[in-house]
Amino acid sequence: MADRKLARTDPKALLWKELGSVRAGMLGVVGSGQHMQPMAHHADEEGGRIWFLTKRSTDLFRAVGPGSTAHFCVISKDQDFHACMSGPLTAEMDRARLDEMWNPVNAAWFEGKDDPDLAMLALTLKSAAIWASTDSTARFAYEIAKANLTDDMPDVGVHNVVEFV
């Protein structure tokens, strides 16, 4: 369940927490004309970055150039947390980071860590919009019924925008 209190008081902390429990999201390069595509991510809270492994031969990799900006969107398993993050997207090889990220799932897509088609992308976060909502069906139904009987808007979640330095 998304922590709505944390969404109000420290949305950045909630974002990193949720990124740690979500396996993948949708990544797209702004202005590329391409659809966003599913990508597994590796969160680097300390560095303020999200890392991805891809192949140099993909359209996504070829769309990344100087000054590229990307959006990365995630939805939690329980669908009570949504986030859309943006910032510069760069191609960078970082062997230490690759060693941290490497696992059997990644290995299935490449011919080892020295695969010449292996590329790393780093999304440096500049901003993120988050939504944390109730996962309680009863709470949701109550809020909708109350809103239909009064002039009150339903209180089913928190929206916040986070800026990164």
Protein backbone atom coordinates (compact mmCIF):
# COMPACT_ATOMS: atom_id res chain seq x y z
CA MET A 1 0.00 0.00 0.00
CA ALA A 2 1.38 3.41 -0.97
CA ASP A 3 2.15 5.55 2.06
CA ARG A 4 -0.09 8.60 1.58
CA LYS A 5 1.37 10.33 4.65
CA LEU A 6 4.87 9.99 3.23
CA ALA A 7 3.54 11.24 -0.13
CA ARG A 8 2.58 14.47 1.66
CA THR A 9 5.61 14.88 3.94
CA ASP A 10 8.50 13.40 1.94
CA PRO A 11 7.43 12.48 -1.59
CA LYS A 12 11.02 12.01 -2.71
CA ALA A 13 11.54 9.28 -0.09
CA LEU A 14 8.33 7.59 -1.19
CA LEU A 15 9.45 7.67 -4.81
CA TRP A 16 12.74 5.92 -4.03
CA LYS A 17 10.96 3.41 -1.81
CA GLU A 18 8.46 2.53 -4.54
CA LEU A 19 11.16 2.36 -7.22
CA GLY A 20 12.79 -0.32 -5.08
CA SER A 21 9.69 -2.50 -5.20
CA VAL A 22 8.60 -1.98 -8.82
CA ARG A 23 10.42 -4.13 -11.38
CA ALA A 24 9.87 -2.14 -14.55
CA GLY A 25 8.27 0.89 -16.08
CA MET A 26 7.86 2.65 -19.41
CA LEU A 27 10.79 4.67 -20.78
CA GLY A 28 10.61 7.12 -23.67
CA VAL A 29 12.86 9.72 -25.25
CA VAL A 30 11.13 13.09 -25.61
CA GLY A 31 10.81 14.22 -29.23
CA SER A 32 11.93 10.89 -30.70
CA GLY A 33 8.54 10.07 -32.16
CA GLN A 34 8.80 6.61 -30.62
CA HIS A 35 6.35 5.01 -28.24
CA MET A 36 7.51 4.50 -24.68
CA GLN A 37 8.74 0.97 -24.03
CA PRO A 38 8.95 -1.33 -21.04
CA MET A 39 12.31 -1.32 -19.32
CA ALA A 40 13.64 -2.80 -16.09
CA HIS A 41 15.30 -0.13 -13.99
CA HIS A 42 17.95 0.07 -11.31
CA ALA A 43 17.45 2.93 -8.88
CA ASP A 44 20.47 4.85 -7.59
CA GLU A 45 19.08 7.10 -4.87
CA GLU A 46 22.49 8.39 -3.80
CA GLY A 47 23.32 9.49 -7.35
CA GLY A 48 19.78 10.67 -8.14
CA ARG A 49 19.72 8.44 -11.19
CA ILE A 50 17.87 5.54 -12.70
CA TRP A 51 19.93 3.12 -14.75
CA PHE A 52 18.86 0.87 -17.62
CA LEU A 53 20.56 -1.82 -19.66
CA THR A 54 19.73 -2.01 -23.35
CA LYS A 55 21.26 -2.99 -26.65
CA ARG A 56 23.04 -0.51 -28.88
CA SER A 57 21.07 -1.94 -31.80
CA THR A 58 17.68 -0.80 -30.42
CA ASP A 59 15.70 2.19 -31.63
CA LEU A 60 15.64 3.45 -28.05
CA PHE A 61 19.42 3.57 -27.81
CA ARG A 62 19.73 5.20 -31.23
CA ALA A 63 17.25 7.91 -30.14
CA VAL A 64 19.55 9.02 -27.32
CA GLY A 65 21.83 11.87 -28.27
CA PRO A 66 23.30 15.06 -26.86
CA GLY A 67 20.65 16.90 -24.86
CA SER A 68 18.19 14.00 -24.79
CA THR A 69 15.43 14.12 -22.21
CA ALA A 70 13.40 11.10 -21.16
CA HIS A 71 10.28 10.24 -19.22
CA PHE A 72 10.06 7.09 -17.13
CA CYS A 73 6.68 6.07 -15.69
CA VAL A 74 5.91 3.38 -13.12
CA ILE A 75 2.80 1.95 -11.49
CA SER A 76 2.99 -0.15 -8.34
CA LYS A 77 1.80 -3.75 -8.29
CA ASP A 78 -1.25 -2.76 -6.24
CA GLN A 79 -1.90 0.21 -8.55
CA ASP A 80 -1.96 2.61 -5.60
CA PHE A 81 1.23 4.44 -6.58
CA HIS A 82 1.96 6.12 -9.92
CA ALA A 83 4.99 8.20 -10.88
CA CYS A 84 6.29 9.94 -13.97
CA MET A 85 9.91 11.06 -13.81
CA SER A 86 11.91 13.15 -16.25
CA GLY A 87 15.42 14.36 -16.85
CA PRO A 88 18.44 14.07 -19.11
CA LEU A 89 19.10 10.59 -20.53
CA THR A 90 22.69 9.73 -21.40
CA ALA A 91 24.57 6.67 -22.61
CA GLU A 92 27.31 5.88 -20.09
CA MET A 93 29.29 2.74 -19.41
CA ASP A 94 30.07 2.34 -15.71
CA ARG A 95 31.64 -1.06 -15.03
CA ALA A 96 31.19 -0.84 -11.25
CA ARG A 97 27.50 0.00 -11.68
CA LEU A 98 27.14 -2.78 -14.27
CA ASP A 99 28.60 -5.27 -11.79
CA GLU A 100 26.02 -4.11 -9.18
CA MET A 101 23.16 -4.37 -11.67
CA TRP A 102 24.10 -7.69 -13.24
CA ASN A 103 21.79 -10.59 -12.45
CA PRO A 104 20.39 -13.69 -14.19
CA VAL A 105 17.55 -11.70 -15.76
CA ASN A 106 19.97 -9.20 -17.34
CA ALA A 107 22.31 -12.01 -18.35
CA ALA A 108 19.50 -13.62 -20.38
CA TRP A 109 19.44 -10.64 -22.76
CA PHE A 110 23.18 -10.32 -23.37
CA GLU A 111 26.22 -12.44 -24.18
CA GLY A 112 27.85 -11.48 -20.89
CA LYS A 113 28.99 -8.18 -19.45
CA ASP A 114 31.44 -7.70 -22.32
CA ASP A 115 28.77 -8.05 -25.03
CA PRO A 116 29.65 -5.33 -27.58
CA ASP A 117 25.91 -4.62 -28.03
CA LEU A 118 25.41 -3.96 -24.29
CA ALA A 119 24.75 -0.32 -23.44
CA MET A 120 23.90 1.48 -20.23
CA LEU A 121 21.56 4.44 -20.03
CA ALA A 122 21.40 6.84 -17.08
CA LEU A 123 18.35 9.00 -16.40
CA THR A 124 19.37 11.86 -14.10
CA LEU A 125 16.19 12.88 -12.32
CA LYS A 126 15.15 16.52 -12.60
CA SER A 127 11.49 16.20 -11.64
CA ALA A 128 8.88 13.61 -10.77
CA ALA A 129 5.13 13.71 -10.35
CA ILE A 130 3.75 11.14 -7.93
CA TRP A 131 0.27 9.97 -7.03
CA ALA A 132 -0.36 7.83 -3.95
CA SER A 133 -3.91 6.57 -3.57
CA THR A 134 -5.89 4.38 -1.25
CA ASP A 135 -5.92 0.68 -2.07
CA SER A 136 -9.05 0.18 0.01
CA THR A 137 -12.12 -0.53 -2.10
CA ALA A 138 -14.35 0.40 0.85
CA ARG A 139 -12.57 3.72 1.37
CA PHE A 140 -12.77 4.51 -2.35
CA ALA A 141 -16.51 3.66 -2.46
CA TYR A 142 -17.17 5.79 0.63
CA GLU A 143 -15.35 8.80 -0.82
CA ILE A 144 -17.15 8.51 -4.16
CA ALA A 145 -20.56 8.18 -2.46
CA LYS A 146 -19.79 11.13 -0.17
CA ALA A 147 -18.72 13.27 -3.13
CA ASN A 148 -21.95 12.48 -4.98
CA LEU A 149 -24.01 13.53 -1.94
CA THR A 150 -22.05 16.68 -1.12
CA ASP A 151 -19.99 19.28 -2.93
CA ASP A 152 -16.76 17.74 -1.57
CA MET A 153 -14.17 16.24 -3.88
CA PRO A 154 -13.34 12.60 -3.08
CA ASP A 155 -10.23 12.20 -0.90
CA VAL A 156 -8.69 9.09 -2.43
CA GLY A 157 -5.06 10.11 -2.71
CA VAL A 158 -2.18 12.54 -2.76
CA HIS A 159 -0.49 14.17 -5.75
CA ASN A 160 2.87 15.85 -5.41
CA VAL A 161 5.65 17.09 -7.69
CA VAL A 162 9.27 16.62 -6.66
CA GLU A 163 12.18 18.64 -8.00
CA PHE A 164 15.72 17.25 -7.88
CA VAL A 165 18.88 19.35 -7.72
